Amino acid sequence: MNGARLVHDILEKHGWDVSLADAQKVKGLAPLERLTKCRRRRVGGESRCVHFDCEDGVQMAKPLVSDELWELIEPLIPKVPRRHRFAGRKRLDDRRVLTGILFVLRTGIPWEYLPQEMGCGSGMTCWRRLQEWQEAGVWQRLHELLLAKLNEADRIDWSRAAIDSSHVRAFGGAPRPGRARSTAPEAAPSTT
């Protein structure tokens, strides 16, 4: 059995999605170690998140925050000025933190298990920034912006939309009925 077939069989046995062509590109232990650490199991019908470059076999992961998405989000994120006195550690780049937030939300892992190798800071940093941006209204504005862009492109099927009172406030509501009249022959005596 050749080395590529052995690598392929071992990875398939452990549930990793690897083609034989990818396994043939692996030479030595270091690329094998990178391959097994960087790839993640496929869930359902999801597509691959890591691919091999045809020229030199280098692994490249698809970015979670594309340039197009970042161009939409960046203007919505409030700029935080750096303190001059007691400046402390420099604030992590917002795009990196957003990548960490999306990774945690997409995979469902706990915040504290966010891999440091991703360069997104700690899970606590990402969680704090998520909370900070929520309080600043970033997510609501992003939602409205994306809805407007999808509506312009005629990509929303409004016939499938539903509105209920938990999402849309009813201003004024129904008219209040008048005061009910007493049916007793006379007023009851006071108990106080």
N, C-alpha and C. Protein backbone atom coordinates (compact mmCIF):
# COMPACT_ATOMS: atom_id res chain seq x y z
N MET A 1 0.86 -1.19 0.00
CA MET A 1 0.00 0.00 0.00
C MET A 1 0.90 1.24 0.00
N ASN A 2 0.64 2.17 -0.93
CA ASN A 2 1.49 3.36 -0.98
C ASN A 2 1.13 4.35 0.13
N GLY A 3 1.98 5.35 0.33
CA GLY A 3 1.80 6.30 1.43
C GLY A 3 0.55 7.13 1.30
N ALA A 4 0.23 7.56 0.07
CA ALA A 4 -0.96 8.40 -0.13
C ALA A 4 -2.23 7.62 0.22
N ARG A 5 -2.28 6.34 -0.19
CA ARG A 5 -3.46 5.52 0.12
C ARG A 5 -3.58 5.33 1.63
N LEU A 6 -2.46 5.15 2.32
CA LEU A 6 -2.47 4.98 3.77
C LEU A 6 -2.99 6.24 4.46
N VAL A 7 -2.49 7.40 4.02
CA VAL A 7 -2.95 8.68 4.59
C VAL A 7 -4.45 8.84 4.34
N HIS A 8 -4.88 8.57 3.11
CA HIS A 8 -6.29 8.69 2.76
C HIS A 8 -7.16 7.79 3.65
N ASP A 9 -6.75 6.51 3.81
CA ASP A 9 -7.52 5.56 4.60
C ASP A 9 -7.59 5.95 6.06
N ILE A 10 -6.47 6.44 6.60
CA ILE A 10 -6.45 6.84 8.02
C ILE A 10 -7.40 8.01 8.24
N LEU A 11 -7.33 9.00 7.37
CA LEU A 11 -8.19 10.18 7.54
C LEU A 11 -9.66 9.84 7.32
N GLU A 12 -9.96 9.01 6.33
CA GLU A 12 -11.35 8.58 6.11
C GLU A 12 -11.88 7.80 7.31
N LYS A 13 -11.03 6.97 7.91
CA LYS A 13 -11.44 6.17 9.08
C LYS A 13 -11.87 7.06 10.23
N HIS A 14 -11.20 8.22 10.36
CA HIS A 14 -11.53 9.14 11.44
C HIS A 14 -12.59 10.16 11.05
N GLY A 15 -13.20 10.00 9.89
CA GLY A 15 -14.32 10.84 9.50
C GLY A 15 -13.95 12.12 8.80
N TRP A 16 -12.69 12.27 8.37
CA TRP A 16 -12.27 13.49 7.68
C TRP A 16 -12.55 13.34 6.20
N ASP A 17 -12.98 14.41 5.56
CA ASP A 17 -13.29 14.39 4.14
C ASP A 17 -12.04 14.79 3.36
N VAL A 18 -11.36 13.81 2.77
CA VAL A 18 -10.12 14.05 2.05
C VAL A 18 -10.15 13.20 0.80
N SER A 19 -9.82 13.80 -0.34
CA SER A 19 -9.77 13.02 -1.57
C SER A 19 -8.40 12.35 -1.68
N LEU A 20 -8.32 11.34 -2.49
CA LEU A 20 -7.05 10.64 -2.68
C LEU A 20 -6.03 11.57 -3.34
N ALA A 21 -6.49 12.47 -4.21
CA ALA A 21 -5.58 13.42 -4.85
C ALA A 21 -4.95 14.34 -3.80
N ASP A 22 -5.75 14.78 -2.81
CA ASP A 22 -5.21 15.62 -1.73
C ASP A 22 -4.22 14.82 -0.91
N ALA A 23 -4.52 13.58 -0.65
CA ALA A 23 -3.63 12.75 0.16
C ALA A 23 -2.31 12.49 -0.56
N GLN A 24 -2.34 12.44 -1.90
CA GLN A 24 -1.11 12.22 -2.66
C GLN A 24 -0.17 13.41 -2.57
N LYS A 25 -0.70 14.60 -2.31
CA LYS A 25 0.12 15.80 -2.21
C LYS A 25 0.83 15.89 -0.87
N VAL A 26 0.40 15.10 0.09
CA VAL A 26 0.99 15.15 1.43
C VAL A 26 2.28 14.36 1.41
N LYS A 27 3.38 15.01 1.76
CA LYS A 27 4.68 14.34 1.82
C LYS A 27 5.27 14.66 3.18
N GLY A 28 5.58 13.66 3.95
CA GLY A 28 6.17 13.88 5.27
C GLY A 28 5.11 14.09 6.33
N LEU A 29 5.54 14.21 7.57
CA LEU A 29 4.63 14.31 8.71
C LEU A 29 4.07 15.71 8.88
N ALA A 30 4.85 16.77 8.60
CA ALA A 30 4.38 18.13 8.83
C ALA A 30 3.13 18.46 8.03
N PRO A 31 3.10 18.18 6.71
CA PRO A 31 1.86 18.47 5.97
C PRO A 31 0.69 17.63 6.46
N LEU A 32 0.95 16.37 6.84
CA LEU A 32 -0.11 15.52 7.36
C LEU A 32 -0.68 16.11 8.64
N GLU A 33 0.21 16.61 9.50
CA GLU A 33 -0.23 17.20 10.75
C GLU A 33 -1.07 18.46 10.47
N ARG A 34 -0.62 19.29 9.50
CA ARG A 34 -1.41 20.47 9.13
C ARG A 34 -2.75 20.08 8.57
N LEU A 35 -2.78 19.05 7.74
CA LEU A 35 -4.01 18.62 7.11
C LEU A 35 -5.02 18.17 8.15
N THR A 36 -4.58 17.39 9.12
CA THR A 36 -5.52 16.87 10.11
C THR A 36 -5.93 17.94 11.10
N LYS A 37 -5.08 18.92 11.37
CA LYS A 37 -5.45 19.97 12.31
C LYS A 37 -6.33 21.02 11.67
N CYS A 38 -6.11 21.32 10.39
CA CYS A 38 -6.82 22.42 9.76
C CYS A 38 -8.18 22.00 9.21
N ARG A 39 -8.35 20.77 8.84
CA ARG A 39 -9.62 20.35 8.29
C ARG A 39 -10.59 20.05 9.41
N ARG A 40 -11.83 20.27 9.15
CA ARG A 40 -12.83 19.91 10.15
C ARG A 40 -13.83 18.98 9.49
N ARG A 41 -14.55 18.27 10.32
CA ARG A 41 -15.50 17.31 9.79
C ARG A 41 -16.63 18.02 9.06
N ARG A 42 -17.14 17.38 8.04
CA ARG A 42 -18.28 17.92 7.32
C ARG A 42 -19.54 17.58 8.07
N VAL A 43 -20.46 18.51 8.11
CA VAL A 43 -21.73 18.29 8.76
C VAL A 43 -22.81 18.40 7.71
N GLY A 44 -23.63 17.39 7.59
CA GLY A 44 -24.71 17.42 6.61
C GLY A 44 -24.17 17.62 5.21
N GLY A 45 -24.68 18.61 4.48
CA GLY A 45 -24.26 18.85 3.11
C GLY A 45 -23.36 20.05 2.96
N GLU A 46 -22.68 20.46 4.03
CA GLU A 46 -21.88 21.67 3.92
C GLU A 46 -20.66 21.44 3.04
N SER A 47 -20.19 22.50 2.45
CA SER A 47 -19.05 22.40 1.55
C SER A 47 -17.74 22.44 2.32
N ARG A 48 -16.66 22.13 1.60
CA ARG A 48 -15.35 22.13 2.23
C ARG A 48 -14.97 23.54 2.67
N CYS A 49 -14.25 23.65 3.78
CA CYS A 49 -13.78 24.95 4.22
C CYS A 49 -12.30 25.12 3.95
N VAL A 50 -11.60 24.05 3.61
CA VAL A 50 -10.16 24.13 3.32
C VAL A 50 -9.95 23.48 1.97
N HIS A 51 -9.13 24.11 1.14
CA HIS A 51 -8.81 23.52 -0.14
C HIS A 51 -7.31 23.58 -0.37
N PHE A 52 -6.83 22.77 -1.31
CA PHE A 52 -5.41 22.78 -1.66
C PHE A 52 -5.20 23.66 -2.87
N ASP A 53 -4.16 24.46 -2.82
CA ASP A 53 -3.74 25.22 -3.99
C ASP A 53 -3.05 24.24 -4.93
N CYS A 54 -3.39 24.27 -6.20
CA CYS A 54 -2.87 23.29 -7.15
C CYS A 54 -1.37 23.40 -7.35
N GLU A 55 -0.79 24.59 -7.20
CA GLU A 55 0.61 24.77 -7.52
C GLU A 55 1.54 24.15 -6.48
N ASP A 56 1.38 24.54 -5.23
CA ASP A 56 2.34 24.06 -4.23
C ASP A 56 1.72 23.28 -3.09
N GLY A 57 0.44 22.99 -3.15
CA GLY A 57 -0.19 22.18 -2.12
C GLY A 57 -0.43 22.91 -0.81
N VAL A 58 -0.38 24.24 -0.82
CA VAL A 58 -0.58 25.01 0.40
C VAL A 58 -2.07 25.07 0.71
N GLN A 59 -2.40 24.91 1.97
CA GLN A 59 -3.80 24.97 2.36
C GLN A 59 -4.23 26.41 2.56
N MET A 60 -5.39 26.76 2.04
CA MET A 60 -5.96 28.09 2.22
C MET A 60 -7.39 27.92 2.68
N ALA A 61 -7.75 28.56 3.79
CA ALA A 61 -9.12 28.48 4.27
C ALA A 61 -9.92 29.64 3.69
N LYS A 62 -11.19 29.38 3.41
CA LYS A 62 -12.05 30.46 2.95
C LYS A 62 -12.24 31.43 4.11
N PRO A 63 -12.14 32.73 3.86
CA PRO A 63 -12.33 33.68 4.96
C PRO A 63 -13.80 33.74 5.36
N LEU A 64 -14.05 33.89 6.66
CA LEU A 64 -15.42 34.01 7.13
C LEU A 64 -15.99 35.39 6.82
N VAL A 65 -15.12 36.40 6.81
CA VAL A 65 -15.54 37.76 6.51
C VAL A 65 -14.92 38.15 5.17
N SER A 66 -15.71 38.10 4.12
CA SER A 66 -15.20 38.45 2.79
C SER A 66 -15.00 39.96 2.71
N ASP A 67 -14.26 40.39 1.70
CA ASP A 67 -14.02 41.82 1.50
C ASP A 67 -15.33 42.56 1.24
N GLU A 68 -16.23 41.93 0.49
CA GLU A 68 -17.52 42.54 0.18
C GLU A 68 -18.35 42.74 1.45
N LEU A 69 -18.38 41.73 2.31
CA LEU A 69 -19.11 41.84 3.56
C LEU A 69 -18.47 42.89 4.47
N TRP A 70 -17.16 42.90 4.52
CA TRP A 70 -16.46 43.86 5.38
C TRP A 70 -16.73 45.30 4.94
N GLU A 71 -16.84 45.54 3.63
CA GLU A 71 -17.15 46.89 3.14
C GLU A 71 -18.52 47.35 3.62
N LEU A 72 -19.45 46.42 3.81
CA LEU A 72 -20.77 46.78 4.33
C LEU A 72 -20.74 47.03 5.83
N ILE A 73 -19.98 46.21 6.56
CA ILE A 73 -20.01 46.26 8.02
C ILE A 73 -19.12 47.35 8.59
N GLU A 74 -17.97 47.60 7.98
CA GLU A 74 -16.99 48.53 8.57
C GLU A 74 -17.57 49.91 8.89
N PRO A 75 -18.36 50.54 8.00
CA PRO A 75 -18.88 51.87 8.35
C PRO A 75 -19.87 51.84 9.53
N LEU A 76 -20.46 50.69 9.81
CA LEU A 76 -21.44 50.60 10.89
C LEU A 76 -20.80 50.46 12.27
N ILE A 77 -19.56 50.01 12.30
CA ILE A 77 -18.88 49.77 13.58
C ILE A 77 -18.35 51.09 14.12
N PRO A 78 -18.71 51.42 15.37
CA PRO A 78 -18.23 52.69 15.93
C PRO A 78 -16.71 52.66 16.15
N LYS A 79 -16.08 53.78 15.85
CA LYS A 79 -14.63 53.91 16.07
C LYS A 79 -14.40 54.27 17.53
N VAL A 80 -13.52 53.53 18.18
CA VAL A 80 -13.20 53.78 19.58
C VAL A 80 -11.83 54.44 19.65
N PRO A 81 -11.78 55.71 20.12
CA PRO A 81 -10.48 56.38 20.20
C PRO A 81 -9.61 55.75 21.29
N ARG A 82 -8.33 55.72 21.03
CA ARG A 82 -7.40 55.15 22.00
C ARG A 82 -7.12 56.17 23.10
N ARG A 83 -7.11 55.69 24.33
CA ARG A 83 -6.80 56.58 25.46
C ARG A 83 -5.34 57.00 25.40
N HIS A 84 -5.08 58.24 25.73
CA HIS A 84 -3.70 58.72 25.73
C HIS A 84 -3.01 58.40 27.05
N ARG A 85 -3.70 58.59 28.13
CA ARG A 85 -3.13 58.28 29.44
C ARG A 85 -3.57 56.87 29.81
N PHE A 86 -2.67 56.04 30.25
CA PHE A 86 -2.93 54.63 30.58
C PHE A 86 -3.53 53.92 29.37
N ALA A 87 -2.83 54.01 28.28
CA ALA A 87 -3.36 53.47 27.01
C ALA A 87 -3.59 51.97 27.06
N GLY A 88 -2.75 51.22 27.77
CA GLY A 88 -2.92 49.77 27.85
C GLY A 88 -2.60 49.09 26.54
N ARG A 89 -3.07 47.87 26.42
CA ARG A 89 -2.81 47.09 25.21
C ARG A 89 -3.62 47.65 24.05
N LYS A 90 -3.03 47.61 22.87
CA LYS A 90 -3.70 48.11 21.68
C LYS A 90 -4.91 47.23 21.35
N ARG A 91 -5.98 47.88 20.98
CA ARG A 91 -7.24 47.19 20.66
C ARG A 91 -7.06 46.33 19.41
N LEU A 92 -7.63 45.12 19.45
CA LEU A 92 -7.54 44.20 18.33
C LEU A 92 -8.37 44.72 17.15
N ASP A 93 -7.92 44.42 15.94
CA ASP A 93 -8.58 44.84 14.72
C ASP A 93 -10.02 44.33 14.69
N ASP A 94 -10.97 45.20 14.31
CA ASP A 94 -12.38 44.83 14.31
C ASP A 94 -12.69 43.68 13.36
N ARG A 95 -12.02 43.63 12.22
CA ARG A 95 -12.29 42.55 11.26
C ARG A 95 -11.89 41.20 11.84
N ARG A 96 -10.77 41.15 12.54
CA ARG A 96 -10.36 39.89 13.16
C ARG A 96 -11.35 39.45 14.23
N VAL A 97 -11.80 40.42 15.02
CA VAL A 97 -12.76 40.09 16.08
C VAL A 97 -14.08 39.61 15.46
N LEU A 98 -14.51 40.25 14.39
CA LEU A 98 -15.74 39.82 13.71
C LEU A 98 -15.58 38.39 13.19
N THR A 99 -14.41 38.06 12.69
CA THR A 99 -14.15 36.69 12.23
C THR A 99 -14.31 35.72 13.40
N GLY A 100 -13.77 36.06 14.56
CA GLY A 100 -13.92 35.21 15.75
C GLY A 100 -15.37 35.06 16.16
N ILE A 101 -16.12 36.16 16.14
CA ILE A 101 -17.54 36.12 16.50
C ILE A 101 -18.30 35.20 15.56
N LEU A 102 -18.08 35.36 14.26
CA LEU A 102 -18.77 34.53 13.28
C LEU A 102 -18.37 33.06 13.40
N PHE A 103 -17.10 32.81 13.72
CA PHE A 103 -16.65 31.43 13.89
C PHE A 103 -17.37 30.76 15.06
N VAL A 104 -17.46 31.46 16.18
CA VAL A 104 -18.14 30.91 17.36
C VAL A 104 -19.63 30.70 17.06
N LEU A 105 -20.25 31.67 16.44
CA LEU A 105 -21.68 31.56 16.16
C LEU A 105 -21.98 30.49 15.11
N ARG A 106 -21.07 30.32 14.16
CA ARG A 106 -21.29 29.32 13.11
C ARG A 106 -21.05 27.90 13.60
N THR A 107 -20.00 27.71 14.42
CA THR A 107 -19.66 26.36 14.87
C THR A 107 -20.41 25.96 16.14
N GLY A 108 -20.83 26.94 16.93
CA GLY A 108 -21.54 26.63 18.17
C GLY A 108 -20.63 26.28 19.33
N ILE A 109 -19.33 26.53 19.20
CA ILE A 109 -18.42 26.23 20.30
C ILE A 109 -18.56 27.28 21.39
N PRO A 110 -18.22 26.95 22.63
CA PRO A 110 -18.24 27.97 23.69
C PRO A 110 -17.19 29.05 23.41
N TRP A 111 -17.44 30.25 23.89
CA TRP A 111 -16.54 31.37 23.65
C TRP A 111 -15.12 31.07 24.11
N GLU A 112 -14.98 30.41 25.24
CA GLU A 112 -13.64 30.19 25.80
C GLU A 112 -12.83 29.19 24.98
N TYR A 113 -13.46 28.45 24.06
CA TYR A 113 -12.73 27.48 23.23
C TYR A 113 -12.36 28.02 21.86
N LEU A 114 -12.49 29.33 21.66
CA LEU A 114 -12.09 29.92 20.38
C LEU A 114 -10.60 29.71 20.18
N PRO A 115 -10.18 29.07 19.08
CA PRO A 115 -8.76 28.77 18.87
C PRO A 115 -7.91 30.04 18.76
N GLN A 116 -6.86 30.12 19.54
CA GLN A 116 -5.96 31.26 19.50
C GLN A 116 -5.21 31.33 18.17
N GLU A 117 -5.05 30.18 17.50
CA GLU A 117 -4.33 30.13 16.23
C GLU A 117 -5.03 30.93 15.13
N MET A 118 -6.29 31.22 15.30
CA MET A 118 -7.03 31.98 14.30
C MET A 118 -6.64 33.45 14.28
N GLY A 119 -6.03 33.93 15.37
CA GLY A 119 -5.62 35.33 15.44
C GLY A 119 -6.77 36.28 15.69
N CYS A 120 -7.85 35.77 16.29
CA CYS A 120 -9.04 36.60 16.55
C CYS A 120 -9.10 37.10 17.98
N GLY A 121 -8.04 36.88 18.74
CA GLY A 121 -8.08 37.24 20.15
C GLY A 121 -8.74 36.13 20.95
N SER A 122 -8.98 36.42 22.19
CA SER A 122 -9.62 35.41 23.04
C SER A 122 -11.12 35.42 22.82
N GLY A 123 -11.77 34.36 23.29
CA GLY A 123 -13.22 34.30 23.19
C GLY A 123 -13.88 35.40 23.98
N MET A 124 -13.26 35.78 25.10
CA MET A 124 -13.82 36.85 25.93
C MET A 124 -13.76 38.19 25.20
N THR A 125 -12.67 38.43 24.48
CA THR A 125 -12.56 39.66 23.68
C THR A 125 -13.67 39.72 22.65
N CYS A 126 -13.88 38.61 21.95
CA CYS A 126 -14.93 38.56 20.91
C CYS A 126 -16.30 38.75 21.54
N TRP A 127 -16.52 38.13 22.69
CA TRP A 127 -17.83 38.25 23.35
C TRP A 127 -18.08 39.69 23.79
N ARG A 128 -17.05 40.32 24.36
CA ARG A 128 -17.21 41.72 24.79
C ARG A 128 -17.51 42.64 23.61
N ARG A 129 -16.80 42.43 22.51
CA ARG A 129 -17.02 43.25 21.33
C ARG A 129 -18.41 43.01 20.76
N LEU A 130 -18.88 41.75 20.77
CA LEU A 130 -20.24 41.44 20.32
C LEU A 130 -21.25 42.22 21.15
N GLN A 131 -21.06 42.22 22.46
CA GLN A 131 -21.97 42.94 23.35
C GLN A 131 -21.88 44.46 23.12
N GLU A 132 -20.67 44.97 22.93
CA GLU A 132 -20.46 46.40 22.67
C GLU A 132 -21.16 46.82 21.39
N TRP A 133 -21.02 46.02 20.34
CA TRP A 133 -21.65 46.34 19.07
C TRP A 133 -23.16 46.20 19.14
N GLN A 134 -23.65 45.26 19.95
CA GLN A 134 -25.10 45.11 20.12
C GLN A 134 -25.67 46.37 20.78
N GLU A 135 -24.99 46.86 21.82
CA GLU A 135 -25.46 48.06 22.52
C GLU A 135 -25.38 49.29 21.61
N ALA A 136 -24.43 49.31 20.68
CA ALA A 136 -24.30 50.43 19.75
C ALA A 136 -25.29 50.33 18.58
N GLY A 137 -26.02 49.22 18.46
CA GLY A 137 -27.01 49.06 17.40
C GLY A 137 -26.44 48.63 16.06
N VAL A 138 -25.23 48.09 16.07
CA VAL A 138 -24.58 47.68 14.81
C VAL A 138 -25.38 46.59 14.11
N TRP A 139 -25.82 45.59 14.86
CA TRP A 139 -26.50 44.45 14.24
C TRP A 139 -27.85 44.83 13.66
N GLN A 140 -28.58 45.73 14.34
CA GLN A 140 -29.88 46.18 13.82
C GLN A 140 -29.68 46.96 12.53
N ARG A 141 -28.68 47.85 12.50
CA ARG A 141 -28.41 48.63 11.28
C ARG A 141 -27.94 47.73 10.15
N LEU A 142 -27.12 46.72 10.48
CA LEU A 142 -26.66 45.79 9.45
C LEU A 142 -27.84 45.00 8.88
N HIS A 143 -28.74 44.57 9.75
CA HIS A 143 -29.93 43.84 9.31
C HIS A 143 -30.76 44.70 8.35
N GLU A 144 -30.98 45.96 8.72
CA GLU A 144 -31.75 46.85 7.87
C GLU A 144 -31.05 47.10 6.54
N LEU A 145 -29.72 47.27 6.58
CA LEU A 145 -28.95 47.50 5.35
C LEU A 145 -29.03 46.30 4.42
N LEU A 146 -28.86 45.10 4.97
CA LEU A 146 -28.92 43.89 4.14
C LEU A 146 -30.32 43.68 3.56
N LEU A 147 -31.35 43.96 4.37
CA LEU A 147 -32.71 43.85 3.85
C LEU A 147 -32.94 44.83 2.70
N ALA A 148 -32.44 46.06 2.85
CA ALA A 148 -32.61 47.05 1.79
C ALA A 148 -31.88 46.61 0.52
N LYS A 149 -30.66 46.09 0.65
CA LYS A 149 -29.91 45.64 -0.53
C LYS A 149 -30.60 44.46 -1.20
N LEU A 150 -31.10 43.52 -0.40
CA LEU A 150 -31.81 42.38 -0.98
C LEU A 150 -33.11 42.80 -1.65
N ASN A 151 -33.77 43.78 -1.06
CA ASN A 151 -35.02 44.27 -1.65
C ASN A 151 -34.74 44.98 -2.97
N GLU A 152 -33.66 45.77 -3.04
CA GLU A 152 -33.27 46.43 -4.29
C GLU A 152 -33.00 45.41 -5.39
N ALA A 153 -32.37 44.31 -5.01
CA ALA A 153 -32.04 43.27 -5.99
C ALA A 153 -33.22 42.34 -6.25
N ASP A 154 -34.36 42.63 -5.63
CA ASP A 154 -35.57 41.81 -5.77
C ASP A 154 -35.30 40.35 -5.39
N ARG A 155 -34.58 40.17 -4.27
CA ARG A 155 -34.24 38.83 -3.78
C ARG A 155 -35.09 38.40 -2.59
N ILE A 156 -36.05 39.22 -2.18
CA ILE A 156 -36.91 38.88 -1.04
C ILE A 156 -38.30 38.55 -1.56
N ASP A 157 -38.82 37.41 -1.13
CA ASP A 157 -40.17 37.00 -1.48
C ASP A 157 -41.10 37.47 -0.37
N TRP A 158 -41.71 38.65 -0.56
CA TRP A 158 -42.54 39.24 0.50
C TRP A 158 -43.83 38.46 0.71
N SER A 159 -44.21 37.57 -0.22
CA SER A 159 -45.43 36.79 -0.03
C SER A 159 -45.26 35.78 1.10
N ARG A 160 -44.01 35.50 1.46
CA ARG A 160 -43.74 34.54 2.54
C ARG A 160 -43.49 35.24 3.87
N ALA A 161 -43.59 36.56 3.92
CA ALA A 161 -43.33 37.31 5.14
C ALA A 161 -44.53 37.22 6.07
N ALA A 162 -44.27 37.20 7.36
CA ALA A 162 -45.33 37.16 8.36
C ALA A 162 -45.05 38.24 9.40
N ILE A 163 -46.11 38.88 9.85
CA ILE A 163 -45.97 39.92 10.88
C ILE A 163 -46.84 39.50 12.05
N ASP A 164 -46.26 39.55 13.22
CA ASP A 164 -47.07 39.31 14.42
C ASP A 164 -46.67 40.32 15.49
N SER A 165 -47.41 40.33 16.58
CA SER A 165 -47.22 41.37 17.59
C SER A 165 -45.90 41.25 18.35
N SER A 166 -45.23 40.12 18.26
CA SER A 166 -43.95 40.01 18.95
C SER A 166 -42.84 40.72 18.19
N HIS A 167 -43.06 41.02 16.88
CA HIS A 167 -42.05 41.68 16.07
C HIS A 167 -42.41 43.13 15.72
N VAL A 168 -43.71 43.42 15.58
CA VAL A 168 -44.15 44.74 15.16
C VAL A 168 -45.11 45.27 16.21
N ARG A 169 -44.78 46.44 16.75
CA ARG A 169 -45.61 47.03 17.79
C ARG A 169 -46.88 47.60 17.16
N ALA A 170 -48.01 47.35 17.81
CA ALA A 170 -49.29 47.88 17.34
C ALA A 170 -49.52 49.21 18.06
N PHE A 171 -49.32 50.32 17.36
CA PHE A 171 -49.51 51.64 17.96
C PHE A 171 -50.98 51.89 18.21
N GLY A 172 -51.31 52.21 19.43
CA GLY A 172 -52.70 52.50 19.78
C GLY A 172 -53.49 51.25 20.10
N GLY A 173 -53.31 50.21 19.35
CA GLY A 173 -54.03 48.97 19.60
C GLY A 173 -55.52 49.12 19.33
N ALA A 174 -56.29 48.22 19.90
CA ALA A 174 -57.74 48.22 19.73
C ALA A 174 -58.35 49.29 20.63
N PRO A 175 -59.52 49.82 20.24
CA PRO A 175 -60.18 50.82 21.11
C PRO A 175 -60.60 50.18 22.43
N ARG A 176 -60.43 50.95 23.48
CA ARG A 176 -60.79 50.41 24.81
C ARG A 176 -62.30 50.56 25.03
N PRO A 177 -62.89 49.52 25.59
CA PRO A 177 -64.33 49.62 25.84
C PRO A 177 -64.61 50.62 26.98
N GLY A 178 -65.82 51.16 26.98
CA GLY A 178 -66.20 52.09 28.05
C GLY A 178 -66.32 51.35 29.38
N ARG A 179 -66.48 52.10 30.45
CA ARG A 179 -66.56 51.51 31.77
C ARG A 179 -67.85 50.70 31.90
N ALA A 180 -67.75 49.51 32.44
CA ALA A 180 -68.93 48.64 32.60
C ALA A 180 -69.83 49.21 33.70
N ARG A 181 -71.12 49.22 33.42
CA ARG A 181 -72.09 49.75 34.39
C ARG A 181 -72.39 48.68 35.42
N SER A 182 -72.61 49.10 36.61
CA SER A 182 -72.94 48.19 37.71
C SER A 182 -74.36 47.67 37.53
N THR A 183 -74.57 46.41 37.89
CA THR A 183 -75.91 45.81 37.79
C THR A 183 -76.56 45.70 39.16
N ALA A 184 -75.87 46.15 40.22
CA ALA A 184 -76.43 46.08 41.58
C ALA A 184 -77.48 47.17 41.74
N PRO A 185 -78.51 46.95 42.61
CA PRO A 185 -79.56 47.93 42.78
C PRO A 185 -79.03 49.23 43.40
N GLU A 186 -78.03 49.20 44.24
CA GLU A 186 -77.45 50.41 44.83
C GLU A 186 -75.98 50.20 45.07
N ALA A 187 -75.25 51.27 45.32
CA ALA A 187 -73.83 51.19 45.55
C ALA A 187 -73.51 50.40 46.81
N ALA A 188 -72.45 49.63 46.78
CA ALA A 188 -72.06 48.84 47.95
C ALA A 188 -71.41 49.74 48.98
N PRO A 189 -71.57 49.41 50.28
CA PRO A 189 -70.94 50.23 51.31
C PRO A 189 -69.42 50.07 51.27
N SER A 190 -68.72 51.11 51.67
CA SER A 190 -67.26 51.10 51.67
C SER A 190 -66.77 50.16 52.77
N THR A 191 -65.71 49.44 52.46
CA THR A 191 -65.14 48.49 53.43
C THR A 191 -63.97 49.12 54.18
N THR A 192 -63.61 50.35 53.85
CA THR A 192 -62.48 50.97 54.57
C THR A 192 -62.91 51.97 55.58
